[in-house]
Amino acid sequence: MKKILIINGSPRRNGLISQMLDIMSQAATDAGAEVTMINAHDLKVRPCAGCMVCRTQGKCVLPEDDSQRVLRMLQEAHGVIVGAPCYWGNLPGQLKLLFD
């Protein structure tokens, strides 16, 4: 069974991005995929310290938070869908924090 991870970067639970991702989730489920949806604004993520230890040791030095959990989900997923509004020409802050 294919695993699809959907990351919702919108702070609006019933906004257009959320509605669009719900439609994609239903379509993937109907096609037989195992779908997990994450709302970035519900996550507890510490900001990156910029120490670059992760590049040499392959592990973050910060205490475990939701970013490590999402990373494991990304590694296991066969497909990833990210939806986010564009604020001031960029992603919403909570989604940027997760990606950092």
PDB file of N, CA and C in Angstrom:
ATOM      1  N   MET A   1       0.843  -1.178   0.000  1.00  0.00           N
ATOM      2  CA  MET A   1       0.000   0.000   0.000  1.00  0.00           C
ATOM      3  C   MET A   1       0.892   1.247   0.000  1.00  0.00           C
ATOM      4  N   LYS A   2       0.581   2.171  -0.860  1.00  0.00           N
ATOM      5  CA  LYS A   2       1.331   3.418  -0.947  1.00  0.00           C
ATOM      6  C   LYS A   2       0.968   4.332   0.226  1.00  0.00           C
ATOM      7  N   LYS A   3       1.989   4.986   0.777  1.00  0.00           N
ATOM      8  CA  LYS A   3       1.780   5.941   1.860  1.00  0.00           C
ATOM      9  C   LYS A   3       1.923   7.353   1.316  1.00  0.00           C
ATOM     10  N   ILE A   4       0.909   8.161   1.549  1.00  0.00           N
ATOM     11  CA  ILE A   4       0.916   9.556   1.114  1.00  0.00           C
ATOM     12  C   ILE A   4       0.877  10.432   2.362  1.00  0.00           C
ATOM     13  N   LEU A   5       1.800  11.366   2.449  1.00  0.00           N
ATOM     14  CA  LEU A   5       1.828  12.333   3.537  1.00  0.00           C
ATOM     15  C   LEU A   5       1.386  13.684   2.987  1.00  0.00           C
ATOM     16  N   ILE A   6       0.389  14.282   3.618  1.00  0.00           N
ATOM     17  CA  ILE A   6      -0.095  15.600   3.219  1.00  0.00           C
ATOM     18  C   ILE A   6       0.215  16.569   4.352  1.00  0.00           C
ATOM     19  N   ILE A   7       0.918  17.640   4.018  1.00  0.00           N
ATOM     20  CA  ILE A   7       1.256  18.666   4.999  1.00  0.00           C
ATOM     21  C   ILE A   7       0.482  19.925   4.656  1.00  0.00           C
ATOM     22  N   ASN A   8      -0.363  20.324   5.580  1.00  0.00           N
ATOM     23  CA  ASN A   8      -1.184  21.534   5.405  1.00  0.00           C
ATOM     24  C   ASN A   8      -0.480  22.695   6.099  1.00  0.00           C
ATOM     25  N   GLY A   9      -0.014  23.655   5.312  1.00  0.00           N
ATOM     26  CA  GLY A   9       0.669  24.812   5.854  1.00  0.00           C
ATOM     27  C   GLY A   9      -0.235  25.992   6.122  1.00  0.00           C
ATOM     28  N   SER A  10      -1.529  25.816   5.914  1.00  0.00           N
ATOM     29  CA  SER A  10      -2.460  26.922   6.102  1.00  0.00           C
ATOM     30  C   SER A  10      -2.900  27.023   7.557  1.00  0.00           C
ATOM     31  N   PRO A  11      -2.926  28.238   8.101  1.00  0.00           N
ATOM     32  CA  PRO A  11      -3.433  28.403   9.466  1.00  0.00           C
ATOM     33  C   PRO A  11      -4.955  28.362   9.534  1.00  0.00           C
ATOM     34  N   ARG A  12      -5.611  28.379   8.389  1.00  0.00           N
ATOM     35  CA  ARG A  12      -7.082  28.390   8.333  1.00  0.00           C
ATOM     36  C   ARG A  12      -7.605  26.979   8.118  1.00  0.00           C
ATOM     37  N   ARG A  13      -8.194  26.420   9.156  1.00  0.00           N
ATOM     38  CA  ARG A  13      -8.662  25.034   9.116  1.00  0.00           C
ATOM     39  C   ARG A  13      -9.706  24.776   8.040  1.00  0.00           C
ATOM     40  N   ASN A  14     -10.514  25.761   7.700  1.00  0.00           N
ATOM     41  CA  ASN A  14     -11.556  25.570   6.695  1.00  0.00           C
ATOM     42  C   ASN A  14     -11.345  26.455   5.470  1.00  0.00           C
ATOM     43  N   GLY A  15     -10.115  26.925   5.298  1.00  0.00           N
ATOM     44  CA  GLY A  15      -9.811  27.783   4.159  1.00  0.00           C
ATOM     45  C   GLY A  15      -9.705  26.987   2.863  1.00  0.00           C
ATOM     46  N   LEU A  16      -9.429  27.692   1.774  1.00  0.00           N
ATOM     47  CA  LEU A  16      -9.366  27.053   0.458  1.00  0.00           C
ATOM     48  C   LEU A  16      -8.255  26.014   0.354  1.00  0.00           C
ATOM     49  N   ILE A  17      -7.096  26.291   0.938  1.00  0.00           N
ATOM     50  CA  ILE A  17      -5.991  25.323   0.901  1.00  0.00           C
ATOM     51  C   ILE A  17      -6.406  24.050   1.625  1.00  0.00           C
ATOM     52  N   SER A  18      -7.003  24.201   2.794  1.00  0.00           N
ATOM     53  CA  SER A  18      -7.447  23.039   3.572  1.00  0.00           C
ATOM     54  C   SER A  18      -8.496  22.245   2.808  1.00  0.00           C
ATOM     55  N   GLN A  19      -9.414  22.921   2.158  1.00  0.00           N
ATOM     56  CA  GLN A  19     -10.444  22.238   1.375  1.00  0.00           C
ATOM     57  C   GLN A  19      -9.822  21.475   0.206  1.00  0.00           C
ATOM     58  N   MET A  20      -8.863  22.097  -0.455  1.00  0.00           N
ATOM     59  CA  MET A  20      -8.191  21.461  -1.586  1.00  0.00           C
ATOM     60  C   MET A  20      -7.442  20.204  -1.123  1.00  0.00           C
ATOM     61  N   LEU A  21      -6.753  20.302   0.004  1.00  0.00           N
ATOM     62  CA  LEU A  21      -6.014  19.151   0.515  1.00  0.00           C
ATOM     63  C   LEU A  21      -6.956  18.029   0.959  1.00  0.00           C
ATOM     64  N   ASP A  22      -8.120  18.388   1.496  1.00  0.00           N
ATOM     65  CA  ASP A  22      -9.112  17.374   1.858  1.00  0.00           C
ATOM     66  C   ASP A  22      -9.576  16.606   0.618  1.00  0.00           C
ATOM     67  N   ILE A  23      -9.759  17.310  -0.491  1.00  0.00           N
ATOM     68  CA  ILE A  23     -10.159  16.660  -1.745  1.00  0.00           C
ATOM     69  C   ILE A  23      -9.053  15.721  -2.225  1.00  0.00           C
ATOM     70  N   MET A  24      -7.801  16.163  -2.152  1.00  0.00           N
ATOM     71  CA  MET A  24      -6.679  15.316  -2.556  1.00  0.00           C
ATOM     72  C   MET A  24      -6.557  14.092  -1.650  1.00  0.00           C
ATOM     73  N   SER A  25      -6.768  14.289  -0.365  1.00  0.00           N
ATOM     74  CA  SER A  25      -6.723  13.184   0.588  1.00  0.00           C
ATOM     75  C   SER A  25      -7.785  12.146   0.260  1.00  0.00           C
ATOM     76  N   GLN A  26      -8.985  12.595  -0.017  1.00  0.00           N
ATOM     77  CA  GLN A  26     -10.077  11.668  -0.348  1.00  0.00           C
ATOM     78  C   GLN A  26      -9.784  10.921  -1.641  1.00  0.00           C
ATOM     79  N   ALA A  27      -9.251  11.625  -2.636  1.00  0.00           N
ATOM     80  CA  ALA A  27      -8.923  10.983  -3.909  1.00  0.00           C
ATOM     81  C   ALA A  27      -7.840   9.917  -3.722  1.00  0.00           C
ATOM     82  N   ALA A  28      -6.827  10.221  -2.912  1.00  0.00           N
ATOM     83  CA  ALA A  28      -5.757   9.244  -2.670  1.00  0.00           C
ATOM     84  C   ALA A  28      -6.277   8.049  -1.883  1.00  0.00           C
ATOM     85  N   THR A  29      -7.140   8.302  -0.920  1.00  0.00           N
ATOM     86  CA  THR A  29      -7.748   7.213  -0.149  1.00  0.00           C
ATOM     87  C   THR A  29      -8.603   6.336  -1.056  1.00  0.00           C
ATOM     88  N   ASP A  30      -9.391   6.967  -1.904  1.00  0.00           N
ATOM     89  CA  ASP A  30     -10.236   6.219  -2.848  1.00  0.00           C
ATOM     90  C   ASP A  30      -9.402   5.358  -3.792  1.00  0.00           C
ATOM     91  N   ALA A  31      -8.169   5.814  -4.074  1.00  0.00           N
ATOM     92  CA  ALA A  31      -7.279   5.067  -4.964  1.00  0.00           C
ATOM     93  C   ALA A  31      -6.517   3.967  -4.218  1.00  0.00           C
ATOM     94  N   GLY A  32      -6.769   3.844  -2.911  1.00  0.00           N
ATOM     95  CA  GLY A  32      -6.165   2.766  -2.143  1.00  0.00           C
ATOM     96  C   GLY A  32      -4.933   3.134  -1.350  1.00  0.00           C
ATOM     97  N   ALA A  33      -4.595   4.402  -1.293  1.00  0.00           N
ATOM     98  CA  ALA A  33      -3.410   4.826  -0.541  1.00  0.00           C
ATOM     99  C   ALA A  33      -3.735   5.004   0.935  1.00  0.00           C
ATOM    100  N   GLU A  34      -2.712   4.860   1.748  1.00  0.00           N
ATOM    101  CA  GLU A  34      -2.806   5.178   3.169  1.00  0.00           C
ATOM    102  C   GLU A  34      -2.379   6.642   3.313  1.00  0.00           C
ATOM    103  N   VAL A  35      -3.297   7.492   3.747  1.00  0.00           N
ATOM    104  CA  VAL A  35      -3.047   8.932   3.777  1.00  0.00           C
ATOM    105  C   VAL A  35      -2.935   9.419   5.217  1.00  0.00           C
ATOM    106  N   THR A  36      -1.889  10.212   5.464  1.00  0.00           N
ATOM    107  CA  THR A  36      -1.720  10.897   6.740  1.00  0.00           C
ATOM    108  C   THR A  36      -1.672  12.385   6.456  1.00  0.00           C
ATOM    109  N   MET A  37      -2.504  13.149   7.157  1.00  0.00           N
ATOM    110  CA  MET A  37      -2.507  14.600   6.980  1.00  0.00           C
ATOM    111  C   MET A  37      -2.010  15.262   8.263  1.00  0.00           C
ATOM    112  N   ILE A  38      -1.107  16.214   8.080  1.00  0.00           N
ATOM    113  CA  ILE A  38      -0.536  16.963   9.197  1.00  0.00           C
ATOM    114  C   ILE A  38      -0.847  18.436   8.998  1.00  0.00           C
ATOM    115  N   ASN A  39      -1.270  19.088  10.057  1.00  0.00           N
ATOM    116  CA  ASN A  39      -1.455  20.540  10.039  1.00  0.00           C
ATOM    117  C   ASN A  39      -0.233  21.177  10.684  1.00  0.00           C
ATOM    118  N   ALA A  40       0.528  21.916   9.918  1.00  0.00           N
ATOM    119  CA  ALA A  40       1.771  22.509  10.419  1.00  0.00           C
ATOM    120  C   ALA A  40       1.528  23.395  11.638  1.00  0.00           C
ATOM    121  N   HIS A  41       0.386  24.032  11.698  1.00  0.00           N
ATOM    122  CA  HIS A  41       0.127  24.952  12.802  1.00  0.00           C
ATOM    123  C   HIS A  41      -0.198  24.249  14.104  1.00  0.00           C
ATOM    124  N   ASP A  42      -0.372  22.925  14.064  1.00  0.00           N
ATOM    125  CA  ASP A  42      -0.602  22.154  15.282  1.00  0.00           C
ATOM    126  C   ASP A  42       0.694  21.589  15.859  1.00  0.00           C
ATOM    127  N   LEU A  43       1.791  21.716  15.119  1.00  0.00           N
ATOM    128  CA  LEU A  43       3.048  21.096  15.524  1.00  0.00           C
ATOM    129  C   LEU A  43       3.809  21.959  16.526  1.00  0.00           C
ATOM    130  N   LYS A  44       4.545  21.276  17.382  1.00  0.00           N
ATOM    131  CA  LYS A  44       5.463  21.932  18.320  1.00  0.00           C
ATOM    132  C   LYS A  44       6.867  21.726  17.758  1.00  0.00           C
ATOM    133  N   VAL A  45       7.434  22.796  17.185  1.00  0.00           N
ATOM    134  CA  VAL A  45       8.736  22.715  16.521  1.00  0.00           C
ATOM    135  C   VAL A  45       9.627  23.834  17.048  1.00  0.00           C
ATOM    136  N   ARG A  46      10.824  23.450  17.477  1.00  0.00           N
ATOM    137  CA  ARG A  46      11.803  24.447  17.920  1.00  0.00           C
ATOM    138  C   ARG A  46      12.518  25.024  16.695  1.00  0.00           C
ATOM    139  N   PRO A  47      12.887  26.284  16.742  1.00  0.00           N
ATOM    140  CA  PRO A  47      13.604  26.854  15.599  1.00  0.00           C
ATOM    141  C   PRO A  47      15.018  26.279  15.479  1.00  0.00           C
ATOM    142  N   CYS A  48      15.478  26.168  14.256  1.00  0.00           N
ATOM    143  CA  CYS A  48      16.821  25.684  13.970  1.00  0.00           C
ATOM    144  C   CYS A  48      17.848  26.622  14.585  1.00  0.00           C
ATOM    145  N   ALA A  49      18.895  26.043  15.194  1.00  0.00           N
ATOM    146  CA  ALA A  49      19.958  26.839  15.810  1.00  0.00           C
ATOM    147  C   ALA A  49      21.065  27.168  14.813  1.00  0.00           C
ATOM    148  N   GLY A  50      21.014  26.586  13.620  1.00  0.00           N
ATOM    149  CA  GLY A  50      22.023  26.867  12.603  1.00  0.00           C
ATOM    150  C   GLY A  50      23.401  26.329  12.925  1.00  0.00           C
ATOM    151  N   CYS A  51      23.501  25.321  13.778  1.00  0.00           N
ATOM    152  CA  CYS A  51      24.807  24.797  14.199  1.00  0.00           C
ATOM    153  C   CYS A  51      25.440  23.881  13.148  1.00  0.00           C
ATOM    154  N   MET A  52      24.636  23.391  12.205  1.00  0.00           N
ATOM    155  CA  MET A  52      25.060  22.522  11.102  1.00  0.00           C
ATOM    156  C   MET A  52      25.546  21.141  11.538  1.00  0.00           C
ATOM    157  N   VAL A  53      25.362  20.763  12.803  1.00  0.00           N
ATOM    158  CA  VAL A  53      25.746  19.430  13.263  1.00  0.00           C
ATOM    159  C   VAL A  53      24.974  18.359  12.504  1.00  0.00           C
ATOM    160  N   CYS A  54      23.727  18.655  12.141  1.00  0.00           N
ATOM    161  CA  CYS A  54      22.907  17.671  11.423  1.00  0.00           C
ATOM    162  C   CYS A  54      23.547  17.273  10.101  1.00  0.00           C
ATOM    163  N   ARG A  55      24.295  18.154   9.497  1.00  0.00           N
ATOM    164  CA  ARG A  55      24.920  17.840   8.201  1.00  0.00           C
ATOM    165  C   ARG A  55      26.057  16.838   8.349  1.00  0.00           C
ATOM    166  N   THR A  56      26.757  16.885   9.463  1.00  0.00           N
ATOM    167  CA  THR A  56      27.883  15.962   9.652  1.00  0.00           C
ATOM    168  C   THR A  56      27.490  14.699  10.409  1.00  0.00           C
ATOM    169  N   GLN A  57      26.535  14.822  11.333  1.00  0.00           N
ATOM    170  CA  GLN A  57      26.159  13.672  12.153  1.00  0.00           C
ATOM    171  C   GLN A  57      24.824  13.056  11.746  1.00  0.00           C
ATOM    172  N   GLY A  58      24.075  13.730  10.871  1.00  0.00           N
ATOM    173  CA  GLY A  58      22.800  13.204  10.406  1.00  0.00           C
ATOM    174  C   GLY A  58      21.708  13.225  11.460  1.00  0.00           C
ATOM    175  N   LYS A  59      21.900  14.007  12.507  1.00  0.00           N
ATOM    176  CA  LYS A  59      20.921  14.079  13.590  1.00  0.00           C
ATOM    177  C   LYS A  59      20.935  15.480  14.187  1.00  0.00           C
ATOM    178  N   CYS A  60      19.740  15.963  14.512  1.00  0.00           N
ATOM    179  CA  CYS A  60      19.605  17.278  15.115  1.00  0.00           C
ATOM    180  C   CYS A  60      20.020  17.224  16.586  1.00  0.00           C
ATOM    181  N   VAL A  61      20.711  18.267  17.041  1.00  0.00           N
ATOM    182  CA  VAL A  61      21.149  18.314  18.439  1.00  0.00           C
ATOM    183  C   VAL A  61      20.053  18.828  19.379  1.00  0.00           C
ATOM    184  N   LEU A  62      19.007  19.418  18.817  1.00  0.00           N
ATOM    185  CA  LEU A  62      17.919  19.920  19.657  1.00  0.00           C
ATOM    186  C   LEU A  62      17.114  18.757  20.226  1.00  0.00           C
ATOM    187  N   PRO A  63      16.472  18.957  21.373  1.00  0.00           N
ATOM    188  CA  PRO A  63      15.609  17.885  21.914  1.00  0.00           C
ATOM    189  C   PRO A  63      14.530  17.510  20.908  1.00  0.00           C
ATOM    190  N   GLU A  64      14.141  16.240  20.938  1.00  0.00           N
ATOM    191  CA  GLU A  64      13.135  15.737  19.992  1.00  0.00           C
ATOM    192  C   GLU A  64      11.846  16.544  20.092  1.00  0.00           C
ATOM    193  N   ASP A  65      11.313  16.907  18.936  1.00  0.00           N
ATOM    194  CA  ASP A  65      10.024  17.591  18.851  1.00  0.00           C
ATOM    195  C   ASP A  65       9.287  17.043  17.634  1.00  0.00           C
ATOM    196  N   ASP A  66       8.233  17.718  17.230  1.00  0.00           N
ATOM    197  CA  ASP A  66       7.435  17.217  16.106  1.00  0.00           C
ATOM    198  C   ASP A  66       8.188  17.206  14.781  1.00  0.00           C
ATOM    199  N   SER A  67       9.235  18.005  14.646  1.00  0.00           N
ATOM    200  CA  SER A  67       9.959  18.026  13.374  1.00  0.00           C
ATOM    201  C   SER A  67      10.635  16.681  13.107  1.00  0.00           C
ATOM    202  N   GLN A  68      11.170  16.040  14.133  1.00  0.00           N
ATOM    203  CA  GLN A  68      11.787  14.727  13.936  1.00  0.00           C
ATOM    204  C   GLN A  68      10.728  13.677  13.600  1.00  0.00           C
ATOM    205  N   ARG A  69       9.552  13.788  14.194  1.00  0.00           N
ATOM    206  CA  ARG A  69       8.457  12.857  13.900  1.00  0.00           C
ATOM    207  C   ARG A  69       8.025  13.011  12.440  1.00  0.00           C
ATOM    208  N   VAL A  70       7.896  14.262  11.977  1.00  0.00           N
ATOM    209  CA  VAL A  70       7.503  14.506  10.594  1.00  0.00           C
ATOM    210  C   VAL A  70       8.601  14.035   9.640  1.00  0.00           C
ATOM    211  N   LEU A  71       9.852  14.210  10.010  1.00  0.00           N
ATOM    212  CA  LEU A  71      10.956  13.738   9.172  1.00  0.00           C
ATOM    213  C   LEU A  71      10.865  12.234   8.962  1.00  0.00           C
ATOM    214  N   ARG A  72      10.588  11.480  10.010  1.00  0.00           N
ATOM    215  CA  ARG A  72      10.435  10.033   9.861  1.00  0.00           C
ATOM    216  C   ARG A  72       9.267   9.701   8.930  1.00  0.00           C
ATOM    217  N   MET A  73       8.184  10.456   9.042  1.00  0.00           N
ATOM    218  CA  MET A  73       7.035  10.235   8.165  1.00  0.00           C
ATOM    219  C   MET A  73       7.398  10.548   6.710  1.00  0.00           C
ATOM    220  N   LEU A  74       8.175  11.601   6.493  1.00  0.00           N
ATOM    221  CA  LEU A  74       8.622  11.947   5.143  1.00  0.00           C
ATOM    222  C   LEU A  74       9.483  10.835   4.555  1.00  0.00           C
ATOM    223  N   GLN A  75      10.344  10.258   5.367  1.00  0.00           N
ATOM    224  CA  GLN A  75      11.226   9.192   4.897  1.00  0.00           C
ATOM    225  C   GLN A  75      10.453   7.931   4.525  1.00  0.00           C
ATOM    226  N   GLU A  76       9.328   7.692   5.189  1.00  0.00           N
ATOM    227  CA  GLU A  76       8.526   6.495   4.933  1.00  0.00           C
ATOM    228  C   GLU A  76       7.509   6.688   3.803  1.00  0.00           C
ATOM    229  N   ALA A  77       7.228   7.923   3.454  1.00  0.00           N
ATOM    230  CA  ALA A  77       6.172   8.211   2.472  1.00  0.00           C
ATOM    231  C   ALA A  77       6.623   7.883   1.053  1.00  0.00           C
ATOM    232  N   HIS A  78       5.670   7.401   0.265  1.00  0.00           N
ATOM    233  CA  HIS A  78       5.899   7.190  -1.159  1.00  0.00           C
ATOM    234  C   HIS A  78       5.606   8.461  -1.954  1.00  0.00           C
ATOM    235  N   GLY A  79       4.792   9.321  -1.372  1.00  0.00           N
ATOM    236  CA  GLY A  79       4.444  10.582  -2.003  1.00  0.00           C
ATOM    237  C   GLY A  79       4.140  11.629  -0.950  1.00  0.00           C
ATOM    238  N   VAL A  80       4.437  12.869  -1.268  1.00  0.00           N
ATOM    239  CA  VAL A  80       4.217  13.983  -0.335  1.00  0.00           C
ATOM    240  C   VAL A  80       3.492  15.100  -1.069  1.00  0.00           C
ATOM    241  N   ILE A  81       2.462  15.630  -0.415  1.00  0.00           N
ATOM    242  CA  ILE A  81       1.731  16.781  -0.934  1.00  0.00           C
ATOM    243  C   ILE A  81       1.833  17.877   0.113  1.00  0.00           C
ATOM    244  N   VAL A  82       2.265  19.055  -0.303  1.00  0.00           N
ATOM    245  CA  VAL A  82       2.344  20.204   0.601  1.00  0.00           C
ATOM    246  C   VAL A  82       1.457  21.293   0.032  1.00  0.00           C
ATOM    247  N   GLY A  83       0.565  21.795   0.863  1.00  0.00           N
ATOM    248  CA  GLY A  83      -0.302  22.887   0.456  1.00  0.00           C
ATOM    249  C   GLY A  83      -0.119  24.055   1.392  1.00  0.00           C
ATOM    250  N   ALA A  84       0.006  25.245   0.829  1.00  0.00           N
ATOM    251  CA  ALA A  84       0.201  26.428   1.662  1.00  0.00           C
ATOM    252  C   ALA A  84      -0.190  27.677   0.889  1.00  0.00           C
ATOM    253  N   PRO A  85      -0.753  28.646   1.597  1.00  0.00           N
ATOM    254  CA  PRO A  85      -0.989  29.935   0.957  1.00  0.00           C
ATOM    255  C   PRO A  85       0.343  30.670   0.787  1.00  0.00           C
ATOM    256  N   CYS A  86       0.325  31.681  -0.033  1.00  0.00           N
ATOM    257  CA  CYS A  86       1.515  32.506  -0.251  1.00  0.00           C
ATOM    258  C   CYS A  86       1.321  33.829   0.485  1.00  0.00           C
ATOM    259  N   TYR A  87       2.082  34.020   1.552  1.00  0.00           N
ATOM    260  CA  TYR A  87       2.015  35.260   2.324  1.00  0.00           C
ATOM    261  C   TYR A  87       3.275  36.072   2.055  1.00  0.00           C
ATOM    262  N   TRP A  88       3.106  37.273   1.567  1.00  0.00           N
ATOM    263  CA  TRP A  88       4.235  38.162   1.292  1.00  0.00           C
ATOM    264  C   TRP A  88       5.283  37.477   0.420  1.00  0.00           C
ATOM    265  N   GLY A  89       4.798  36.682  -0.536  1.00  0.00           N
ATOM    266  CA  GLY A  89       5.701  36.038  -1.490  1.00  0.00           C
ATOM    267  C   GLY A  89       6.407  34.816  -0.949  1.00  0.00           C
ATOM    268  N   ASN A  90       5.925  34.251   0.154  1.00  0.00           N
ATOM    269  CA  ASN A  90       6.610  33.118   0.748  1.00  0.00           C
ATOM    270  C   ASN A  90       5.625  32.215   1.483  1.00  0.00           C
ATOM    271  N   LEU A  91       6.148  31.138   2.037  1.00  0.00           N
ATOM    272  CA  LEU A  91       5.352  30.205   2.829  1.00  0.00           C
ATOM    273  C   LEU A  91       4.987  30.818   4.177  1.00  0.00           C
ATOM    274  N   PRO A  92       3.921  30.341   4.800  1.00  0.00           N
ATOM    275  CA  PRO A  92       3.621  30.775   6.165  1.00  0.00           C
ATOM    276  C   PRO A  92       4.763  30.375   7.110  1.00  0.00           C
ATOM    277  N   GLY A  93       4.970  31.165   8.129  1.00  0.00           N
ATOM    278  CA  GLY A  93       6.096  30.974   9.050  1.00  0.00           C
ATOM    279  C   GLY A  93       6.185  29.597   9.679  1.00  0.00           C
ATOM    280  N   GLN A  94       5.060  29.019  10.103  1.00  0.00           N
ATOM    281  CA  GLN A  94       5.101  27.716  10.770  1.00  0.00           C
ATOM    282  C   GLN A  94       5.585  26.628   9.821  1.00  0.00           C
ATOM    283  N   LEU A  95       5.242  26.732   8.558  1.00  0.00           N
ATOM    284  CA  LEU A  95       5.716  25.746   7.576  1.00  0.00           C
ATOM    285  C   LEU A  95       7.207  25.929   7.314  1.00  0.00           C
ATOM    286  N   LYS A  96       7.667  27.169   7.227  1.00  0.00           N
ATOM    287  CA  LYS A  96       9.103  27.420   7.068  1.00  0.00           C
ATOM    288  C   LYS A  96       9.876  26.878   8.257  1.00  0.00           C
ATOM    289  N   LEU A  97       9.340  27.055   9.455  1.00  0.00           N
ATOM    290  CA  LEU A  97       9.981  26.560  10.665  1.00  0.00           C
ATOM    291  C   LEU A  97      10.113  25.037  10.589  1.00  0.00           C
ATOM    292  N   LEU A  98       9.074  24.364  10.162  1.00  0.00           N
ATOM    293  CA  LEU A  98       9.124  22.898  10.021  1.00  0.00           C
ATOM    294  C   LEU A  98      10.182  22.491   9.004  1.00  0.00           C
ATOM    295  N   PHE A  99      10.241  23.149   7.866  1.00  0.00           N
ATOM    296  CA  PHE A  99      11.193  22.778   6.834  1.00  0.00           C
ATOM    297  C   PHE A  99      12.638  23.072   7.248  1.00  0.00           C
ATOM    298  N   ASP A 100      12.852  24.120   8.028  1.00  0.00           N
ATOM    299  CA  ASP A 100      14.204  24.387   8.539  1.00  0.00           C
ATOM    300  C   ASP A 100      14.654  23.265   9.442  1.00  0.00           C
TER     301      ASP A 100
END
